[in-house]
Amino acid sequence: SNCKIFDLNVLPFECNAQGKFFAKLKFKVTNPVSDRFILKVNGIMYDTLAYGKELYEIGPFAGDCSTLYKFLVQDIQNSACQDDYVFTEKI
């Protein structure tokens, strides 16, 4: 398949009073095999979402100043169709 997920970008919001943060996730996809994708955060399944939005709001996540977050977007039927994004700083 020619499925391709690319230009993945995750932009975190400021932490709230509970030390949690939300983030904006956006990416591009061509020729998806499915109509849904898997979102993993630090290797753990976070959610299954439908393609089609320009921007996804995800969270909340712990802003513990020690976790370096990695996000992976993967087509639900084609595991080779994926892209990841790693924060360069801990939140």
PDB file of N, CA and C in Angstrom:
ATOM      1  N   SER A   1       0.835  -1.185   0.000  1.00  0.00           N
ATOM      2  CA  SER A   1       0.000   0.000   0.000  1.00  0.00           C
ATOM      3  C   SER A   1       0.871   1.236   0.000  1.00  0.00           C
ATOM      4  N   ASN A   2       0.317   2.334  -0.464  1.00  0.00           N
ATOM      5  CA  ASN A   2       1.034   3.609  -0.487  1.00  0.00           C
ATOM      6  C   ASN A   2       0.646   4.487   0.691  1.00  0.00           C
ATOM      7  N   CYS A   3       0.108   3.879   1.727  1.00  0.00           N
ATOM      8  CA  CYS A   3      -0.294   4.642   2.912  1.00  0.00           C
ATOM      9  C   CYS A   3       0.926   5.334   3.510  1.00  0.00           C
ATOM     10  N   LYS A   4       0.735   6.609   3.844  1.00  0.00           N
ATOM     11  CA  LYS A   4       1.831   7.356   4.453  1.00  0.00           C
ATOM     12  C   LYS A   4       1.263   8.356   5.456  1.00  0.00           C
ATOM     13  N   ILE A   5       1.781   8.315   6.671  1.00  0.00           N
ATOM     14  CA  ILE A   5       1.479   9.309   7.699  1.00  0.00           C
ATOM     15  C   ILE A   5       2.749  10.127   7.888  1.00  0.00           C
ATOM     16  N   PHE A   6       2.624  11.455   7.840  1.00  0.00           N
ATOM     17  CA  PHE A   6       3.821  12.298   7.896  1.00  0.00           C
ATOM     18  C   PHE A   6       3.486  13.665   8.483  1.00  0.00           C
ATOM     19  N   ASP A   7       4.530  14.430   8.732  1.00  0.00           N
ATOM     20  CA  ASP A   7       4.406  15.780   9.315  1.00  0.00           C
ATOM     21  C   ASP A   7       3.656  15.787  10.640  1.00  0.00           C
ATOM     22  N   LEU A   8       3.860  14.743  11.441  1.00  0.00           N
ATOM     23  CA  LEU A   8       3.231  14.675  12.764  1.00  0.00           C
ATOM     24  C   LEU A   8       3.834  15.748  13.653  1.00  0.00           C
ATOM     25  N   ASN A   9       2.963  16.491  14.319  1.00  0.00           N
ATOM     26  CA  ASN A   9       3.399  17.550  15.219  1.00  0.00           C
ATOM     27  C   ASN A   9       2.484  17.550  16.439  1.00  0.00           C
ATOM     28  N   VAL A  10       3.072  17.674  17.610  1.00  0.00           N
ATOM     29  CA  VAL A  10       2.319  17.721  18.859  1.00  0.00           C
ATOM     30  C   VAL A  10       2.746  18.968  19.622  1.00  0.00           C
ATOM     31  N   LEU A  11       1.779  19.820  19.939  1.00  0.00           N
ATOM     32  CA  LEU A  11       2.055  21.070  20.643  1.00  0.00           C
ATOM     33  C   LEU A  11       1.351  21.053  21.995  1.00  0.00           C
ATOM     34  N   PRO A  12       2.107  21.047  23.090  1.00  0.00           N
ATOM     35  CA  PRO A  12       1.478  20.985  24.413  1.00  0.00           C
ATOM     36  C   PRO A  12       0.964  22.347  24.876  1.00  0.00           C
ATOM     37  N   PHE A  13      -0.135  22.298  25.635  1.00  0.00           N
ATOM     38  CA  PHE A  13      -0.629  23.483  26.334  1.00  0.00           C
ATOM     39  C   PHE A  13       0.068  23.554  27.689  1.00  0.00           C
ATOM     40  N   GLU A  14      -0.094  24.670  28.387  1.00  0.00           N
ATOM     41  CA  GLU A  14       0.453  24.816  29.733  1.00  0.00           C
ATOM     42  C   GLU A  14      -0.227  23.842  30.689  1.00  0.00           C
ATOM     43  N   CYS A  15       0.487  23.451  31.733  1.00  0.00           N
ATOM     44  CA  CYS A  15      -0.097  22.584  32.751  1.00  0.00           C
ATOM     45  C   CYS A  15      -1.183  23.337  33.523  1.00  0.00           C
ATOM     46  N   ASN A  16      -2.223  22.594  33.927  1.00  0.00           N
ATOM     47  CA  ASN A  16      -3.290  23.201  34.724  1.00  0.00           C
ATOM     48  C   ASN A  16      -2.948  23.098  36.213  1.00  0.00           C
ATOM     49  N   ALA A  17      -3.858  23.472  37.069  1.00  0.00           N
ATOM     50  CA  ALA A  17      -3.616  23.484  38.517  1.00  0.00           C
ATOM     51  C   ALA A  17      -3.359  22.087  39.084  1.00  0.00           C
ATOM     52  N   GLN A  18      -3.822  21.058  38.374  1.00  0.00           N
ATOM     53  CA  GLN A  18      -3.595  19.677  38.818  1.00  0.00           C
ATOM     54  C   GLN A  18      -2.304  19.076  38.260  1.00  0.00           C
ATOM     55  N   GLY A  19      -1.510  19.884  37.570  1.00  0.00           N
ATOM     56  CA  GLY A  19      -0.248  19.393  37.012  1.00  0.00           C
ATOM     57  C   GLY A  19      -0.438  18.551  35.762  1.00  0.00           C
ATOM     58  N   LYS A  20      -1.567  18.724  35.070  1.00  0.00           N
ATOM     59  CA  LYS A  20      -1.862  17.979  33.842  1.00  0.00           C
ATOM     60  C   LYS A  20      -1.847  18.944  32.659  1.00  0.00           C
ATOM     61  N   PHE A  21      -1.567  18.381  31.478  1.00  0.00           N
ATOM     62  CA  PHE A  21      -1.604  19.210  30.281  1.00  0.00           C
ATOM     63  C   PHE A  21      -2.323  18.486  29.151  1.00  0.00           C
ATOM     64  N   PHE A  22      -2.877  19.260  28.249  1.00  0.00           N
ATOM     65  CA  PHE A  22      -3.465  18.766  27.010  1.00  0.00           C
ATOM     66  C   PHE A  22      -2.518  19.161  25.881  1.00  0.00           C
ATOM     67  N   ALA A  23      -2.726  18.588  24.710  1.00  0.00           N
ATOM     68  CA  ALA A  23      -1.869  18.899  23.563  1.00  0.00           C
ATOM     69  C   ALA A  23      -2.699  18.894  22.289  1.00  0.00           C
ATOM     70  N   LYS A  24      -2.198  19.629  21.289  1.00  0.00           N
ATOM     71  CA  LYS A  24      -2.781  19.618  19.950  1.00  0.00           C
ATOM     72  C   LYS A  24      -1.932  18.698  19.090  1.00  0.00           C
ATOM     73  N   LEU A  25      -2.601  17.780  18.402  1.00  0.00           N
ATOM     74  CA  LEU A  25      -1.917  16.832  17.531  1.00  0.00           C
ATOM     75  C   LEU A  25      -2.407  17.057  16.111  1.00  0.00           C
ATOM     76  N   LYS A  26      -1.479  17.134  15.178  1.00  0.00           N
ATOM     77  CA  LYS A  26      -1.868  17.236  13.777  1.00  0.00           C
ATOM     78  C   LYS A  26      -0.856  16.486  12.924  1.00  0.00           C
ATOM     79  N   PHE A  27      -1.341  15.987  11.803  1.00  0.00           N
ATOM     80  CA  PHE A  27      -0.498  15.233  10.885  1.00  0.00           C
ATOM     81  C   PHE A  27      -1.186  15.172   9.526  1.00  0.00           C
ATOM     82  N   LYS A  28      -0.451  14.673   8.548  1.00  0.00           N
ATOM     83  CA  LYS A  28      -0.998  14.469   7.211  1.00  0.00           C
ATOM     84  C   LYS A  28      -0.988  12.976   6.920  1.00  0.00           C
ATOM     85  N   VAL A  29      -1.948  12.536   6.110  1.00  0.00           N
ATOM     86  CA  VAL A  29      -2.008  11.131   5.716  1.00  0.00           C
ATOM     87  C   VAL A  29      -2.422  11.041   4.251  1.00  0.00           C
ATOM     88  N   THR A  30      -1.797  10.115   3.538  1.00  0.00           N
ATOM     89  CA  THR A  30      -2.187   9.817   2.165  1.00  0.00           C
ATOM     90  C   THR A  30      -2.472   8.331   2.056  1.00  0.00           C
ATOM     91  N   ASN A  31      -3.506   7.996   1.333  1.00  0.00           N
ATOM     92  CA  ASN A  31      -3.899   6.607   1.057  1.00  0.00           C
ATOM     93  C   ASN A  31      -4.012   5.739   2.305  1.00  0.00           C
ATOM     94  N   PRO A  32      -4.751   6.169   3.321  1.00  0.00           N
ATOM     95  CA  PRO A  32      -4.896   5.312   4.503  1.00  0.00           C
ATOM     96  C   PRO A  32      -5.622   4.015   4.146  1.00  0.00           C
ATOM     97  N   VAL A  33      -5.239   2.932   4.813  1.00  0.00           N
ATOM     98  CA  VAL A  33      -5.849   1.629   4.577  1.00  0.00           C
ATOM     99  C   VAL A  33      -7.193   1.551   5.290  1.00  0.00           C
ATOM    100  N   SER A  34      -7.288   2.190   6.430  1.00  0.00           N
ATOM    101  CA  SER A  34      -8.485   2.175   7.259  1.00  0.00           C
ATOM    102  C   SER A  34      -9.055   3.588   7.339  1.00  0.00           C
ATOM    103  N   ASP A  35     -10.180   3.726   8.035  1.00  0.00           N
ATOM    104  CA  ASP A  35     -10.720   5.068   8.279  1.00  0.00           C
ATOM    105  C   ASP A  35     -10.364   5.546   9.686  1.00  0.00           C
ATOM    106  N   ARG A  36      -9.547   4.731  10.400  1.00  0.00           N
ATOM    107  CA  ARG A  36      -9.169   5.056  11.783  1.00  0.00           C
ATOM    108  C   ARG A  36      -7.670   4.843  11.985  1.00  0.00           C
ATOM    109  N   PHE A  37      -7.155   5.483  13.025  1.00  0.00           N
ATOM    110  CA  PHE A  37      -5.749   5.307  13.378  1.00  0.00           C
ATOM    111  C   PHE A  37      -5.622   5.103  14.881  1.00  0.00           C
ATOM    112  N   ILE A  38      -4.498   4.526  15.253  1.00  0.00           N
ATOM    113  CA  ILE A  38      -4.161   4.282  16.659  1.00  0.00           C
ATOM    114  C   ILE A  38      -3.228   5.397  17.109  1.00  0.00           C
ATOM    115  N   LEU A  39      -3.454   5.893  18.306  1.00  0.00           N
ATOM    116  CA  LEU A  39      -2.543   6.845  18.929  1.00  0.00           C
ATOM    117  C   LEU A  39      -1.932   6.174  20.153  1.00  0.00           C
ATOM    118  N   LYS A  40      -0.611   6.072  20.152  1.00  0.00           N
ATOM    119  CA  LYS A  40       0.102   5.537  21.310  1.00  0.00           C
ATOM    120  C   LYS A  40       0.920   6.657  21.931  1.00  0.00           C
ATOM    121  N   VAL A  41       0.956   6.662  23.255  1.00  0.00           N
ATOM    122  CA  VAL A  41       1.747   7.641  23.994  1.00  0.00           C
ATOM    123  C   VAL A  41       2.724   6.860  24.859  1.00  0.00           C
ATOM    124  N   ASN A  42       4.009   7.076  24.617  1.00  0.00           N
ATOM    125  CA  ASN A  42       5.077   6.345  25.314  1.00  0.00           C
ATOM    126  C   ASN A  42       4.875   4.835  25.239  1.00  0.00           C
ATOM    127  N   GLY A  43       4.467   4.366  24.044  1.00  0.00           N
ATOM    128  CA  GLY A  43       4.327   2.943  23.790  1.00  0.00           C
ATOM    129  C   GLY A  43       3.034   2.322  24.279  1.00  0.00           C
ATOM    130  N   ILE A  44       2.176   3.101  24.914  1.00  0.00           N
ATOM    131  CA  ILE A  44       0.922   2.589  25.459  1.00  0.00           C
ATOM    132  C   ILE A  44      -0.239   3.116  24.623  1.00  0.00           C
ATOM    133  N   MET A  45      -1.154   2.215  24.276  1.00  0.00           N
ATOM    134  CA  MET A  45      -2.330   2.596  23.495  1.00  0.00           C
ATOM    135  C   MET A  45      -3.114   3.673  24.233  1.00  0.00           C
ATOM    136  N   TYR A  46      -3.308   4.807  23.594  1.00  0.00           N
ATOM    137  CA  TYR A  46      -4.040   5.918  24.198  1.00  0.00           C
ATOM    138  C   TYR A  46      -5.478   5.965  23.675  1.00  0.00           C
ATOM    139  N   ASP A  47      -5.640   5.856  22.336  1.00  0.00           N
ATOM    140  CA  ASP A  47      -6.974   5.963  21.764  1.00  0.00           C
ATOM    141  C   ASP A  47      -6.949   5.490  20.318  1.00  0.00           C
ATOM    142  N   THR A  48      -8.134   5.211  19.785  1.00  0.00           N
ATOM    143  CA  THR A  48      -8.343   4.951  18.366  1.00  0.00           C
ATOM    144  C   THR A  48      -9.260   6.057  17.866  1.00  0.00           C
ATOM    145  N   LEU A  49      -8.805   6.779  16.860  1.00  0.00           N
ATOM    146  CA  LEU A  49      -9.533   7.951  16.381  1.00  0.00           C
ATOM    147  C   LEU A  49      -9.773   7.855  14.878  1.00  0.00           C
ATOM    148  N   ALA A  50     -10.751   8.594  14.399  1.00  0.00           N
ATOM    149  CA  ALA A  50     -11.069   8.621  12.970  1.00  0.00           C
ATOM    150  C   ALA A  50     -10.199   9.657  12.265  1.00  0.00           C
ATOM    151  N   TYR A  51      -9.740   9.303  11.072  1.00  0.00           N
ATOM    152  CA  TYR A  51      -9.060  10.283  10.223  1.00  0.00           C
ATOM    153  C   TYR A  51     -10.048  11.380   9.844  1.00  0.00           C
ATOM    154  N   GLY A  52      -9.520  12.513   9.427  1.00  0.00           N
ATOM    155  CA  GLY A  52     -10.384  13.534   8.853  1.00  0.00           C
ATOM    156  C   GLY A  52     -10.334  14.886   9.523  1.00  0.00           C
ATOM    157  N   LYS A  53      -9.889  14.936  10.764  1.00  0.00           N
ATOM    158  CA  LYS A  53      -9.786  16.239  11.419  1.00  0.00           C
ATOM    159  C   LYS A  53      -8.433  16.856  11.093  1.00  0.00           C
ATOM    160  N   GLU A  54      -8.423  18.172  11.066  1.00  0.00           N
ATOM    161  CA  GLU A  54      -7.157  18.871  10.855  1.00  0.00           C
ATOM    162  C   GLU A  54      -6.338  18.891  12.144  1.00  0.00           C
ATOM    163  N   LEU A  55      -7.053  18.910  13.275  1.00  0.00           N
ATOM    164  CA  LEU A  55      -6.415  19.049  14.581  1.00  0.00           C
ATOM    165  C   LEU A  55      -7.160  18.187  15.597  1.00  0.00           C
ATOM    166  N   TYR A  56      -6.403  17.504  16.453  1.00  0.00           N
ATOM    167  CA  TYR A  56      -6.979  16.681  17.519  1.00  0.00           C
ATOM    168  C   TYR A  56      -6.484  17.215  18.855  1.00  0.00           C
ATOM    169  N   GLU A  57      -7.382  17.377  19.819  1.00  0.00           N
ATOM    170  CA  GLU A  57      -6.964  17.750  21.163  1.00  0.00           C
ATOM    171  C   GLU A  57      -6.907  16.469  21.989  1.00  0.00           C
ATOM    172  N   ILE A  58      -5.747  16.216  22.579  1.00  0.00           N
ATOM    173  CA  ILE A  58      -5.540  14.980  23.326  1.00  0.00           C
ATOM    174  C   ILE A  58      -5.084  15.298  24.745  1.00  0.00           C
ATOM    175  N   GLY A  59      -5.304  14.379  25.646  1.00  0.00           N
ATOM    176  CA  GLY A  59      -4.888  14.564  27.026  1.00  0.00           C
ATOM    177  C   GLY A  59      -6.020  14.223  27.966  1.00  0.00           C
ATOM    178  N   PRO A  60      -5.862  14.442  29.228  1.00  0.00           N
ATOM    179  CA  PRO A  60      -4.714  15.090  29.875  1.00  0.00           C
ATOM    180  C   PRO A  60      -3.572  14.109  30.132  1.00  0.00           C
ATOM    181  N   PHE A  61      -2.380  14.660  30.204  1.00  0.00           N
ATOM    182  CA  PHE A  61      -1.158  13.921  30.522  1.00  0.00           C
ATOM    183  C   PHE A  61      -0.502  14.563  31.729  1.00  0.00           C
ATOM    184  N   ALA A  62       0.266  13.782  32.449  1.00  0.00           N
ATOM    185  CA  ALA A  62       0.942  14.291  33.649  1.00  0.00           C
ATOM    186  C   ALA A  62       2.129  15.163  33.257  1.00  0.00           C
ATOM    187  N   GLY A  63       2.145  16.366  33.785  1.00  0.00           N
ATOM    188  CA  GLY A  63       3.289  17.248  33.615  1.00  0.00           C
ATOM    189  C   GLY A  63       4.187  17.100  34.832  1.00  0.00           C
ATOM    190  N   ASP A  64       4.926  15.999  34.878  1.00  0.00           N
ATOM    191  CA  ASP A  64       5.684  15.644  36.089  1.00  0.00           C
ATOM    192  C   ASP A  64       7.148  16.067  36.046  1.00  0.00           C
ATOM    193  N   CYS A  65       7.545  16.772  35.003  1.00  0.00           N
ATOM    194  CA  CYS A  65       8.922  17.271  34.846  1.00  0.00           C
ATOM    195  C   CYS A  65       9.960  16.146  34.742  1.00  0.00           C
ATOM    196  N   SER A  66       9.507  14.903  34.548  1.00  0.00           N
ATOM    197  CA  SER A  66      10.467  13.808  34.406  1.00  0.00           C
ATOM    198  C   SER A  66      10.186  12.928  33.193  1.00  0.00           C
ATOM    199  N   THR A  67       8.982  12.998  32.629  1.00  0.00           N
ATOM    200  CA  THR A  67       8.619  12.137  31.499  1.00  0.00           C
ATOM    201  C   THR A  67       8.901  12.846  30.183  1.00  0.00           C
ATOM    202  N   LEU A  68       9.620  12.166  29.294  1.00  0.00           N
ATOM    203  CA  LEU A  68       9.843  12.662  27.940  1.00  0.00           C
ATOM    204  C   LEU A  68       8.823  11.950  27.052  1.00  0.00           C
ATOM    205  N   TYR A  69       7.826  12.666  26.594  1.00  0.00           N
ATOM    206  CA  TYR A  69       6.708  12.065  25.876  1.00  0.00           C
ATOM    207  C   TYR A  69       7.033  11.756  24.425  1.00  0.00           C
ATOM    208  N   LYS A  70       6.576  10.569  23.968  1.00  0.00           N
ATOM    209  CA  LYS A  70       6.688  10.143  22.570  1.00  0.00           C
ATOM    210  C   LYS A  70       5.287   9.757  22.095  1.00  0.00           C
ATOM    211  N   PHE A  71       4.884  10.300  20.955  1.00  0.00           N
ATOM    212  CA  PHE A  71       3.575  10.051  20.377  1.00  0.00           C
ATOM    213  C   PHE A  71       3.747   9.291  19.070  1.00  0.00           C
ATOM    214  N   LEU A  72       2.908   8.284  18.860  1.00  0.00           N
ATOM    215  CA  LEU A  72       2.946   7.482  17.645  1.00  0.00           C
ATOM    216  C   LEU A  72       1.547   7.423  17.053  1.00  0.00           C
ATOM    217  N   VAL A  73       1.433   7.767  15.778  1.00  0.00           N
ATOM    218  CA  VAL A  73       0.186   7.649  15.034  1.00  0.00           C
ATOM    219  C   VAL A  73       0.397   6.535  14.018  1.00  0.00           C
ATOM    220  N   GLN A  74      -0.542   5.564  14.009  1.00  0.00           N
ATOM    221  CA  GLN A  74      -0.382   4.376  13.171  1.00  0.00           C
ATOM    222  C   GLN A  74      -1.738   3.979  12.584  1.00  0.00           C
ATOM    223  N   ASP A  75      -1.777   3.717  11.290  1.00  0.00           N
ATOM    224  CA  ASP A  75      -3.002   3.237  10.671  1.00  0.00           C
ATOM    225  C   ASP A  75      -3.440   1.951  11.369  1.00  0.00           C
ATOM    226  N   ILE A  76      -4.737   1.830  11.629  1.00  0.00           N
ATOM    227  CA  ILE A  76      -5.227   0.699  12.422  1.00  0.00           C
ATOM    228  C   ILE A  76      -5.052  -0.642  11.695  1.00  0.00           C
ATOM    229  N   GLN A  77      -4.988  -0.642  10.356  1.00  0.00           N
ATOM    230  CA  GLN A  77      -4.853  -1.892   9.609  1.00  0.00           C
ATOM    231  C   GLN A  77      -3.489  -2.083   8.974  1.00  0.00           C
ATOM    232  N   ASN A  78      -2.649  -1.055   8.996  1.00  0.00           N
ATOM    233  CA  ASN A  78      -1.329  -1.163   8.374  1.00  0.00           C
ATOM    234  C   ASN A  78      -0.290  -0.589   9.332  1.00  0.00           C
ATOM    235  N   SER A  79       0.347  -1.466  10.095  1.00  0.00           N
ATOM    236  CA  SER A  79       1.289  -1.007  11.122  1.00  0.00           C
ATOM    237  C   SER A  79       2.520  -0.328  10.532  1.00  0.00           C
ATOM    238  N   ALA A  80       2.808  -0.560   9.254  1.00  0.00           N
ATOM    239  CA  ALA A  80       3.952   0.100   8.623  1.00  0.00           C
ATOM    240  C   ALA A  80       3.641   1.555   8.271  1.00  0.00           C
ATOM    241  N   CYS A  81       2.380   1.906   8.270  1.00  0.00           N
ATOM    242  CA  CYS A  81       1.951   3.271   7.962  1.00  0.00           C
ATOM    243  C   CYS A  81       1.862   4.033   9.277  1.00  0.00           C
ATOM    244  N   GLN A  82       2.946   4.745   9.616  1.00  0.00           N
ATOM    245  CA  GLN A  82       3.014   5.400  10.913  1.00  0.00           C
ATOM    246  C   GLN A  82       4.021   6.542  10.904  1.00  0.00           C
ATOM    247  N   ASP A  83       3.908   7.378  11.917  1.00  0.00           N
ATOM    248  CA  ASP A  83       4.878   8.446  12.152  1.00  0.00           C
ATOM    249  C   ASP A  83       4.902   8.706  13.649  1.00  0.00           C
ATOM    250  N   ASP A  84       6.036   9.182  14.142  1.00  0.00           N
ATOM    251  CA  ASP A  84       6.108   9.476  15.571  1.00  0.00           C
ATOM    252  C   ASP A  84       6.677  10.862  15.813  1.00  0.00           C
ATOM    253  N   TYR A  85       6.457  11.333  17.025  1.00  0.00           N
ATOM    254  CA  TYR A  85       6.920  12.651  17.438  1.00  0.00           C
ATOM    255  C   TYR A  85       7.370  12.545  18.885  1.00  0.00           C
ATOM    256  N   VAL A  86       8.565  13.049  19.167  1.00  0.00           N
ATOM    257  CA  VAL A  86       9.113  13.006  20.521  1.00  0.00           C
ATOM    258  C   VAL A  86       9.381  14.430  20.990  1.00  0.00           C
ATOM    259  N   PHE A  87       8.859  14.757  22.176  1.00  0.00           N
ATOM    260  CA  PHE A  87       9.187  16.052  22.756  1.00  0.00           C
ATOM    261  C   PHE A  87      10.689  16.119  23.029  1.00  0.00           C
ATOM    262  N   THR A  88      11.277  17.264  22.837  1.00  0.00           N
ATOM    263  CA  THR A  88      12.706  17.426  23.110  1.00  0.00           C
ATOM    264  C   THR A  88      12.967  17.803  24.560  1.00  0.00           C
ATOM    265  N   GLU A  89      11.909  18.229  25.262  1.00  0.00           N
ATOM    266  CA  GLU A  89      12.049  18.596  26.676  1.00  0.00           C
ATOM    267  C   GLU A  89      10.950  17.928  27.492  1.00  0.00           C
ATOM    268  N   LYS A  90      11.243  17.683  28.752  1.00  0.00           N
ATOM    269  CA  LYS A  90      10.268  17.124  29.673  1.00  0.00           C
ATOM    270  C   LYS A  90       9.278  18.202  30.086  1.00  0.00           C
ATOM    271  N   ILE A  91       8.038  17.800  30.309  1.00  0.00           N
ATOM    272  CA  ILE A  91       6.995  18.781  30.677  1.00  0.00           C
ATOM    273  C   ILE A  91       6.676  18.621  32.143  1.00  0.00           C
TER     274      ILE A  91
END
